[in-house]
Amino acid sequence: MTLPAVLGGNPVRPQGPPAWPCTDPDILDVLQNAYREGWWGRYQAGFCERLENWLKEYHHVEHVFLCGSGNYAVELGLRALGIDAGDEVILADYDYPGNFLSIHAVGATPVLVNVEPSDWNLSLAAVREAIGPKTKAILASHLHGGCVAMSQLMEFAKERGLSVVEDAAQCPGAMIAGRRAGSWGYVGVLSFGGSKLLTAGRGGALLTNNAQIAQRARNHLLRAGNIVCPLSELQAALLLPQCEKLDERNEHRWKNVQALIEALRGSIGVQLFCAGRLPAADDLPAFYKVGIQYDATAFGLSRERFIRAMRAEGFALDEGFEAAHRTRSPRRFRQGSTLTEAEGAHAGCVMLHHPLLLESTASVLELVVALEKVRQHASEIHAAGEQVGAFPSRDRQGAVD
């Protein structure tokens, strides 16, 4: 087998990872139309209303609120649920860091719990263990192609009188037990950030079927005659053609991920998140990031050097999130369960960025070729030390206040 690119060999993908957003003539048409007709700078041009209506119909929800970011949508959802100072909100210790901060933004306290060993998503058993007298809500994120068992979570939450925020920012269009991700919770959240599957550079949306929650969200959004943190008409117009292609693209991505699962079957040290808990017949995963459970000891190479070597081969891989208990002051959260699996995710998650999944299956399977090339030369990459293996890694020890 030829040398890995990180040791001077030729990369598997000399062209590097595909760009995002991808080239799309429909997006160009929107931009040209906006300039030609002059509506790109208007407060109202009808596109936000069209997007809201599309999201309502697609998710089978009654109320949709567009806003300037997914982060703000989470905060808005918490406020609309009446979460306030002194309340507690349960979330996975391994989660998007902005969710921890959104809980603090409303004055509540995050309660950190463990994740499932199969896919490193929120553990329902850990949620049950963490309930306390101040607990008012659960924030459930679907991460890296995995998903939370929403039917069981909602049943438990209703029994205990708890609200649920469902963060579907990473999986627009996904199906969980026959329902769209984001439509299960008391509120659901979408993100339209620059790297997301539906992208407008920035933006987000809050979904709900509850009229009282919707009214509270509306009151928070409309202040002093203005919409707080709005989505622009141009952003909404750019999202509409992407929405129409979302199902087709999600199917294509899932087909390619299934090919990766099969190609990596029996591979030591590397397993995709979604392979740990395979979807049921009425599920359809969505992949903003393809989560990889990476075992450095079994593979024979540190995660940092593995990522460095795979990047040199032309693939967009990154470390996963940092576990909140490792980076936040203990004064800022309550630990609600053991965090053993979250610690494993902190140390062992690797993420593949999604644009590759829209290419051909043959192109996607080049990832496996690169991975095996790196595996075969793992000892040489390790021995080369700092000269080839120094990948800038976050300080994962010190807590910040």
Protein backbone atom coordinates (compact mmCIF):
# COMPACT_ATOMS: atom_id res chain seq x y z
CA MET A 1 0.00 0.00 0.00
CA THR A 2 1.31 3.45 -0.89
CA LEU A 3 2.52 5.87 1.77
CA PRO A 4 -0.05 8.12 3.44
CA ALA A 5 0.02 11.71 2.27
CA VAL A 6 1.07 12.83 5.75
CA LEU A 7 4.30 10.83 5.21
CA GLY A 8 4.87 12.20 1.72
CA GLY A 9 2.68 9.91 -0.37
CA ASN A 10 -0.08 10.93 -2.77
CA PRO A 11 -3.45 11.79 -1.20
CA VAL A 12 -6.51 9.69 -2.02
CA ARG A 13 -8.42 12.91 -2.78
CA PRO A 14 -5.88 15.40 -4.15
CA GLN A 15 -8.75 17.82 -4.83
CA GLY A 16 -9.57 17.89 -1.13
CA PRO A 17 -13.05 17.82 0.42
CA PRO A 18 -15.99 19.20 -1.57
CA ALA A 19 -17.04 22.78 -0.96
CA TRP A 20 -20.20 23.79 0.86
CA PRO A 21 -22.64 25.22 -0.06
CA CYS A 22 -22.62 23.19 -3.25
CA THR A 23 -23.17 24.70 -6.68
CA ASP A 24 -26.90 25.08 -7.29
CA PRO A 25 -28.45 26.95 -10.25
CA ASP A 26 -31.66 27.49 -8.26
CA ILE A 27 -29.71 29.49 -5.68
CA LEU A 28 -28.20 31.60 -8.43
CA ASP A 29 -31.70 32.26 -9.79
CA VAL A 30 -32.82 33.52 -6.35
CA LEU A 31 -29.86 35.88 -6.07
CA GLN A 32 -30.31 37.25 -9.59
CA ASN A 33 -34.05 37.67 -9.07
CA ALA A 34 -33.49 39.46 -5.77
CA TYR A 35 -31.18 41.96 -7.44
CA ARG A 36 -33.25 42.34 -10.56
CA GLU A 37 -36.53 42.94 -8.71
CA GLY A 38 -34.97 44.84 -5.82
CA TRP A 39 -36.59 42.98 -2.92
CA TRP A 40 -33.34 41.75 -1.34
CA GLY A 41 -33.29 44.60 1.20
CA ARG A 42 -37.01 44.81 2.03
CA TYR A 43 -38.51 44.11 5.41
CA GLN A 44 -41.27 42.08 3.78
CA ALA A 45 -41.23 40.34 0.42
CA GLY A 46 -43.28 37.24 1.19
CA PHE A 47 -40.46 34.72 1.40
CA CYS A 48 -40.37 34.42 5.19
CA GLU A 49 -44.09 33.67 5.14
CA ARG A 50 -43.59 31.07 2.42
CA LEU A 51 -40.79 29.41 4.39
CA GLU A 52 -42.87 29.36 7.58
CA ASN A 53 -45.76 27.73 5.72
CA TRP A 54 -43.46 25.13 4.13
CA LEU A 55 -41.96 24.22 7.51
CA LYS A 56 -45.42 23.95 9.08
CA GLU A 57 -46.68 21.59 6.40
CA TYR A 58 -43.47 19.56 6.24
CA HIS A 59 -43.28 19.02 10.01
CA HIS A 60 -47.05 18.90 10.63
CA VAL A 61 -46.87 21.66 13.23
CA GLU A 62 -49.15 24.65 13.80
CA HIS A 63 -46.60 27.34 14.62
CA VAL A 64 -43.18 28.26 13.20
CA PHE A 65 -41.03 31.20 14.26
CA LEU A 66 -38.05 32.14 12.11
CA CYS A 67 -35.09 33.76 13.83
CA GLY A 68 -31.50 34.79 13.29
CA SER A 69 -29.77 31.68 14.65
CA GLY A 70 -30.33 28.18 15.95
CA ASN A 71 -28.78 29.25 19.24
CA TYR A 72 -31.39 31.94 19.67
CA ALA A 73 -34.13 29.46 18.72
CA VAL A 74 -33.07 27.25 21.65
CA GLU A 75 -33.12 30.23 24.02
CA LEU A 76 -36.49 31.34 22.64
CA GLY A 77 -37.87 27.85 23.14
CA LEU A 78 -36.75 27.78 26.76
CA ARG A 79 -38.32 31.19 27.41
CA ALA A 80 -41.53 30.16 25.68
CA LEU A 81 -41.69 27.11 27.95
CA GLY A 82 -41.43 29.39 30.98
CA ILE A 83 -37.97 28.20 32.03
CA ASP A 84 -36.52 30.78 34.40
CA ALA A 85 -33.98 31.46 37.14
CA GLY A 86 -33.80 28.64 39.67
CA ASP A 87 -35.08 25.99 37.25
CA GLU A 88 -33.02 23.06 36.01
CA VAL A 89 -32.77 21.71 32.47
CA ILE A 90 -31.35 18.24 31.77
CA LEU A 91 -29.09 17.78 28.76
CA ALA A 92 -26.38 15.41 27.60
CA ASP A 93 -22.89 16.12 28.89
CA TYR A 94 -21.72 15.51 25.32
CA ASP A 95 -23.71 18.07 23.32
CA TYR A 96 -23.37 21.18 21.18
CA PRO A 97 -21.79 23.73 23.60
CA GLY A 98 -24.27 26.48 22.72
CA ASN A 99 -27.10 24.54 24.39
CA PHE A 100 -25.37 24.73 27.77
CA LEU A 101 -25.01 28.50 27.30
CA SER A 102 -28.63 28.93 26.17
CA ILE A 103 -29.80 27.38 29.44
CA HIS A 104 -27.67 29.87 31.33
CA ALA A 105 -29.03 32.68 29.17
CA VAL A 106 -32.48 32.21 30.72
CA GLY A 107 -31.04 31.93 34.24
CA ALA A 108 -31.54 28.17 34.61
CA THR A 109 -29.02 25.52 35.63
CA PRO A 110 -27.86 22.76 33.27
CA VAL A 111 -27.99 19.22 34.66
CA LEU A 112 -25.45 17.07 32.83
CA VAL A 113 -26.20 13.41 32.14
CA ASN A 114 -24.60 10.48 30.39
CA VAL A 115 -25.03 9.35 26.77
CA GLU A 116 -25.89 6.00 25.23
CA PRO A 117 -22.88 3.76 24.55
CA SER A 118 -24.32 2.77 21.18
CA ASP A 119 -24.38 6.21 19.57
CA TRP A 120 -23.31 8.76 22.22
CA ASN A 121 -26.69 10.52 22.16
CA LEU A 122 -28.72 11.41 25.26
CA SER A 123 -29.32 8.44 27.61
CA LEU A 124 -32.93 8.06 28.78
CA ALA A 125 -31.82 6.00 31.77
CA ALA A 126 -29.52 8.83 32.82
CA VAL A 127 -32.36 11.34 32.39
CA ARG A 128 -34.53 9.33 34.80
CA GLU A 129 -31.68 9.25 37.31
CA ALA A 130 -31.16 13.02 37.14
CA ILE A 131 -34.68 14.26 37.95
CA GLY A 132 -34.74 16.60 40.94
CA PRO A 133 -37.23 18.97 42.59
CA LYS A 134 -36.10 21.90 40.42
CA THR A 135 -36.10 20.01 37.11
CA LYS A 136 -38.45 21.65 34.61
CA ALA A 137 -37.27 20.57 31.17
CA ILE A 138 -35.13 18.21 29.07
CA LEU A 139 -33.07 19.36 26.09
CA ALA A 140 -32.59 16.48 23.63
CA SER A 141 -30.19 16.85 20.70
CA HIS A 142 -29.90 14.44 17.77
CA LEU A 143 -26.18 14.33 16.99
CA HIS A 144 -23.89 13.03 14.24
CA GLY A 145 -26.42 10.69 12.60
CA GLY A 146 -27.64 9.25 15.90
CA CYS A 147 -30.97 10.07 17.48
CA VAL A 148 -32.73 10.20 20.82
CA ALA A 149 -35.63 7.76 21.34
CA MET A 150 -38.23 10.52 21.29
CA SER A 151 -41.35 8.40 21.77
CA GLN A 152 -40.05 7.02 25.07
CA LEU A 153 -38.64 10.38 26.12
CA MET A 154 -41.93 12.20 25.51
CA GLU A 155 -43.92 9.54 27.36
CA PHE A 156 -41.60 9.84 30.36
CA ALA A 157 -41.61 13.65 30.25
CA LYS A 158 -45.41 13.79 30.24
CA GLU A 159 -45.57 11.41 33.19
CA ARG A 160 -43.24 13.68 35.17
CA GLY A 161 -44.69 17.00 34.00
CA LEU A 162 -41.50 18.05 32.21
CA SER A 163 -41.14 20.09 29.02
CA VAL A 164 -38.92 18.92 26.14
CA VAL A 165 -36.82 21.00 23.77
CA GLU A 166 -35.92 18.88 20.72
CA ASP A 167 -32.79 20.15 19.00
CA ALA A 168 -32.91 18.95 15.38
CA ALA A 169 -30.29 21.42 14.14
CA GLN A 170 -28.09 18.60 12.82
CA CYS A 171 -30.84 16.56 11.19
CA PRO A 172 -33.47 18.55 9.27
CA GLY A 173 -35.78 16.18 7.47
CA ALA A 174 -34.87 13.13 9.54
CA MET A 175 -37.65 10.73 10.49
CA ILE A 176 -37.87 9.25 13.99
CA ALA A 177 -40.54 6.57 14.47
CA GLY A 178 -42.50 7.97 11.55
CA ARG A 179 -42.37 11.64 12.58
CA ARG A 180 -40.07 14.45 11.53
CA ALA A 181 -37.24 15.31 13.85
CA GLY A 182 -38.12 18.59 15.54
CA SER A 183 -41.85 17.81 15.72
CA TRP A 184 -41.73 15.54 18.78
CA GLY A 185 -40.81 18.03 21.51
CA TYR A 186 -42.98 20.68 23.12
CA VAL A 187 -40.72 22.87 21.01
CA GLY A 188 -38.36 21.88 18.20
CA VAL A 189 -35.35 23.74 16.88
CA LEU A 190 -33.78 23.96 13.41
CA SER A 191 -30.58 25.71 12.34
CA PHE A 192 -29.73 27.34 9.02
CA GLY A 193 -26.07 28.08 9.81
CA GLY A 194 -23.43 28.30 7.11
CA SER A 195 -22.34 24.66 7.33
CA LYS A 196 -25.77 23.12 7.90
CA LEU A 197 -27.78 20.90 5.55
CA LEU A 198 -30.17 23.83 4.99
CA THR A 199 -27.99 26.91 4.92
CA ALA A 200 -28.62 30.64 4.76
CA GLY A 201 -25.30 31.57 6.34
CA ARG A 202 -27.12 32.15 9.63
CA GLY A 203 -30.60 31.51 10.93
CA GLY A 204 -32.89 29.13 12.75
CA ALA A 205 -36.49 28.25 13.47
CA LEU A 206 -38.65 27.30 16.44
CA LEU A 207 -41.48 24.78 15.92
CA THR A 208 -44.41 24.01 18.23
CA ASN A 209 -47.96 22.65 18.19
CA ASN A 210 -48.91 24.34 21.45
CA ALA A 211 -50.81 27.64 21.14
CA GLN A 212 -49.81 28.93 24.60
CA ILE A 213 -46.14 28.21 23.97
CA ALA A 214 -46.46 29.89 20.59
CA GLN A 215 -47.98 33.01 22.14
CA ARG A 216 -45.16 33.29 24.67
CA ALA A 217 -42.61 32.86 21.88
CA ARG A 218 -44.36 35.58 19.87
CA ASN A 219 -44.28 37.93 22.87
CA HIS A 220 -40.54 37.40 23.29
CA LEU A 221 -39.89 37.96 19.59
CA LEU A 222 -41.96 41.13 19.24
CA ARG A 223 -40.54 43.87 21.40
CA ALA A 224 -40.87 47.61 20.95
CA GLY A 225 -42.49 47.08 17.56
CA ASN A 226 -39.53 45.10 16.19
CA ILE A 227 -38.76 41.40 15.69
CA VAL A 228 -35.84 40.39 17.89
CA CYS A 229 -33.13 38.45 16.01
CA PRO A 230 -35.03 38.09 12.70
CA LEU A 231 -34.34 36.04 9.58
CA SER A 232 -34.14 38.19 6.45
CA GLU A 233 -36.33 37.82 3.37
CA LEU A 234 -33.23 37.05 1.29
CA GLN A 235 -32.20 34.26 3.65
CA ALA A 236 -35.69 32.76 3.53
CA ALA A 237 -35.71 32.92 -0.27
CA LEU A 238 -32.37 31.08 -0.41
CA LEU A 239 -33.69 28.35 1.89
CA LEU A 240 -36.85 27.57 -0.09
CA PRO A 241 -35.19 25.74 -3.05
CA GLN A 242 -33.02 23.80 -0.59
CA CYS A 243 -36.11 22.72 1.33
CA GLU A 244 -37.62 21.26 -1.82
CA LYS A 245 -34.49 19.12 -2.33
CA LEU A 246 -34.03 18.11 1.30
CA ASP A 247 -35.70 14.69 1.14
CA GLU A 248 -33.88 13.67 -2.03
CA ARG A 249 -30.54 14.79 -0.62
CA ASN A 250 -31.15 13.07 2.72
CA GLU A 251 -31.94 9.82 0.92
CA HIS A 252 -28.73 10.16 -1.10
CA ARG A 253 -26.67 10.84 2.02
CA TRP A 254 -28.22 7.88 3.85
CA LYS A 255 -27.51 5.55 0.91
CA ASN A 256 -23.85 6.56 1.04
CA VAL A 257 -23.64 6.22 4.81
CA GLN A 258 -25.11 2.71 4.53
CA ALA A 259 -22.33 1.88 2.07
CA LEU A 260 -19.81 3.20 4.60
CA ILE A 261 -21.35 1.09 7.38
CA GLU A 262 -21.02 -2.02 5.25
CA ALA A 263 -17.48 -1.21 4.14
CA LEU A 264 -16.37 -0.58 7.74
CA ARG A 265 -18.03 -3.70 9.14
CA GLY A 266 -15.44 -5.47 11.28
CA SER A 267 -13.05 -2.54 11.10
CA ILE A 268 -11.17 -2.29 14.40
CA GLY A 269 -11.15 1.05 16.19
CA VAL A 270 -13.69 2.80 13.94
CA GLN A 271 -17.50 2.62 14.06
CA LEU A 272 -20.11 5.06 12.77
CA PHE A 273 -22.58 6.41 15.34
CA CYS A 274 -25.57 5.19 13.34
CA ALA A 275 -24.10 1.68 13.13
CA GLY A 276 -24.29 1.41 16.91
CA ARG A 277 -28.09 1.71 16.90
CA LEU A 278 -29.40 1.00 13.41
CA PRO A 279 -32.56 2.90 12.39
CA ALA A 280 -35.93 1.15 12.36
CA ALA A 281 -38.03 0.80 9.23
CA ASP A 282 -39.88 4.07 9.86
CA ASP A 283 -36.69 6.04 10.62
CA LEU A 284 -34.55 8.05 8.24
CA PRO A 285 -31.34 9.53 9.64
CA ALA A 286 -29.91 12.83 8.47
CA PHE A 287 -26.23 13.66 8.50
CA TYR A 288 -24.81 17.10 9.13
CA LYS A 289 -21.83 15.30 10.61
CA VAL A 290 -21.18 11.58 10.37
CA GLY A 291 -20.15 10.64 13.88
CA ILE A 292 -17.32 8.14 14.26
CA GLN A 293 -16.59 6.36 17.54
CA TYR A 294 -12.81 6.23 17.40
CA ASP A 295 -10.74 3.95 19.64
CA ALA A 296 -7.15 5.20 19.51
CA THR A 297 -5.74 2.16 21.30
CA ALA A 298 -7.42 -0.33 18.97
CA PHE A 299 -6.54 1.65 15.84
CA GLY A 300 -2.97 2.27 16.94
CA LEU A 301 -2.85 6.03 16.50
CA SER A 302 -3.90 9.00 18.62
CA ARG A 303 -7.07 10.75 17.54
CA GLU A 304 -5.17 13.97 16.78
CA ARG A 305 -2.72 12.19 14.47
CA PHE A 306 -5.46 10.12 12.87
CA ILE A 307 -7.37 13.29 11.98
CA ARG A 308 -4.21 14.97 10.73
CA ALA A 309 -3.45 11.98 8.49
CA MET A 310 -7.01 11.76 7.12
CA ARG A 311 -7.09 15.48 6.40
CA ALA A 312 -3.88 15.08 4.43
CA GLU A 313 -5.69 12.45 2.35
CA GLY A 314 -8.32 15.07 1.43
CA PHE A 315 -11.15 14.37 3.91
CA ALA A 316 -12.85 16.90 6.21
CA LEU A 317 -12.58 15.25 9.63
CA ASP A 318 -12.63 17.03 12.99
CA GLU A 319 -12.70 16.26 16.69
CA GLY A 320 -16.12 16.03 18.26
CA PHE A 321 -17.52 18.33 20.93
CA GLU A 322 -15.99 18.75 24.34
CA ALA A 323 -17.88 17.26 27.28
CA ALA A 324 -19.32 20.12 29.30
CA HIS A 325 -18.10 18.77 32.63
CA ARG A 326 -14.52 18.99 31.33
CA THR A 327 -14.72 22.61 30.17
CA ARG A 328 -17.20 24.35 32.49
CA SER A 329 -16.82 25.30 36.12
CA PRO A 330 -18.65 22.88 38.49
CA ARG A 331 -20.42 25.97 39.86
CA ARG A 332 -22.26 26.30 36.57
CA PHE A 333 -23.97 22.89 36.42
CA ARG A 334 -25.27 19.96 38.42
CA GLN A 335 -24.07 16.46 37.57
CA GLY A 336 -27.13 14.29 37.24
CA SER A 337 -25.58 10.88 36.54
CA THR A 338 -22.31 9.12 35.97
CA LEU A 339 -20.63 10.50 32.84
CA THR A 340 -18.49 7.56 31.74
CA GLU A 341 -19.79 7.34 28.17
CA ALA A 342 -19.78 11.13 27.79
CA GLU A 343 -16.14 11.03 28.78
CA GLY A 344 -15.58 8.47 26.04
CA ALA A 345 -17.29 10.74 23.50
CA HIS A 346 -15.16 13.66 24.68
CA ALA A 347 -11.98 11.71 24.02
CA GLY A 348 -13.03 9.55 21.08
CA CYS A 349 -15.52 11.26 18.78
CA VAL A 350 -14.46 12.09 15.23
CA MET A 351 -16.79 13.90 12.81
CA LEU A 352 -16.92 13.73 9.01
CA HIS A 353 -18.41 16.84 7.39
CA HIS A 354 -21.44 16.08 5.22
CA PRO A 355 -20.67 17.51 1.70
CA LEU A 356 -18.84 14.32 0.68
CA LEU A 357 -22.09 12.38 1.12
CA LEU A 358 -23.68 14.08 -1.90
CA GLU A 359 -21.01 12.66 -4.19
CA SER A 360 -21.03 9.18 -5.73
CA THR A 361 -20.81 6.10 -3.54
CA ALA A 362 -17.43 5.33 -5.10
CA SER A 363 -16.14 8.74 -3.99
CA VAL A 364 -17.48 8.23 -0.48
CA LEU A 365 -15.83 4.82 -0.20
CA GLU A 366 -12.48 6.45 -0.91
CA LEU A 367 -12.68 7.38 2.77
CA VAL A 368 -12.25 3.69 3.61
CA VAL A 369 -9.26 3.42 1.29
CA ALA A 370 -7.64 6.39 3.03
CA LEU A 371 -8.47 5.00 6.47
CA GLU A 372 -6.86 1.64 5.71
CA LYS A 373 -3.81 3.34 4.25
CA VAL A 374 -3.42 5.32 7.48
CA ARG A 375 -4.01 2.17 9.56
CA GLN A 376 -1.33 0.22 7.70
CA HIS A 377 1.21 2.96 8.42
CA ALA A 378 0.00 3.92 11.90
CA SER A 379 3.26 2.98 13.60
CA GLU A 380 5.27 5.07 11.13
CA ILE A 381 2.97 8.07 11.58
CA HIS A 382 3.27 7.69 15.33
CA ALA A 383 7.06 7.35 15.15
CA ALA A 384 7.34 10.47 12.99
CA GLY A 385 6.12 12.33 16.07
CA GLU A 386 5.74 16.07 16.12
CA GLN A 387 7.10 16.53 12.58
CA VAL A 388 4.00 15.02 10.99
CA GLY A 389 1.60 14.34 13.82
CA ALA A 390 1.29 17.67 15.59
CA PHE A 391 -2.36 18.47 15.13
CA PRO A 392 -3.47 21.60 17.04
CA SER A 393 -5.64 20.17 19.80
CA ARG A 394 -7.81 21.99 22.26
CA ASP A 395 -6.77 22.14 25.88
CA ARG A 396 -9.23 19.54 27.18
CA GLN A 397 -8.28 19.75 30.84
CA GLY A 398 -8.93 23.16 32.32
CA ALA A 399 -12.45 24.26 33.21
CA VAL A 400 -13.57 27.78 32.33
CA ASP A 401 -15.92 29.92 34.32
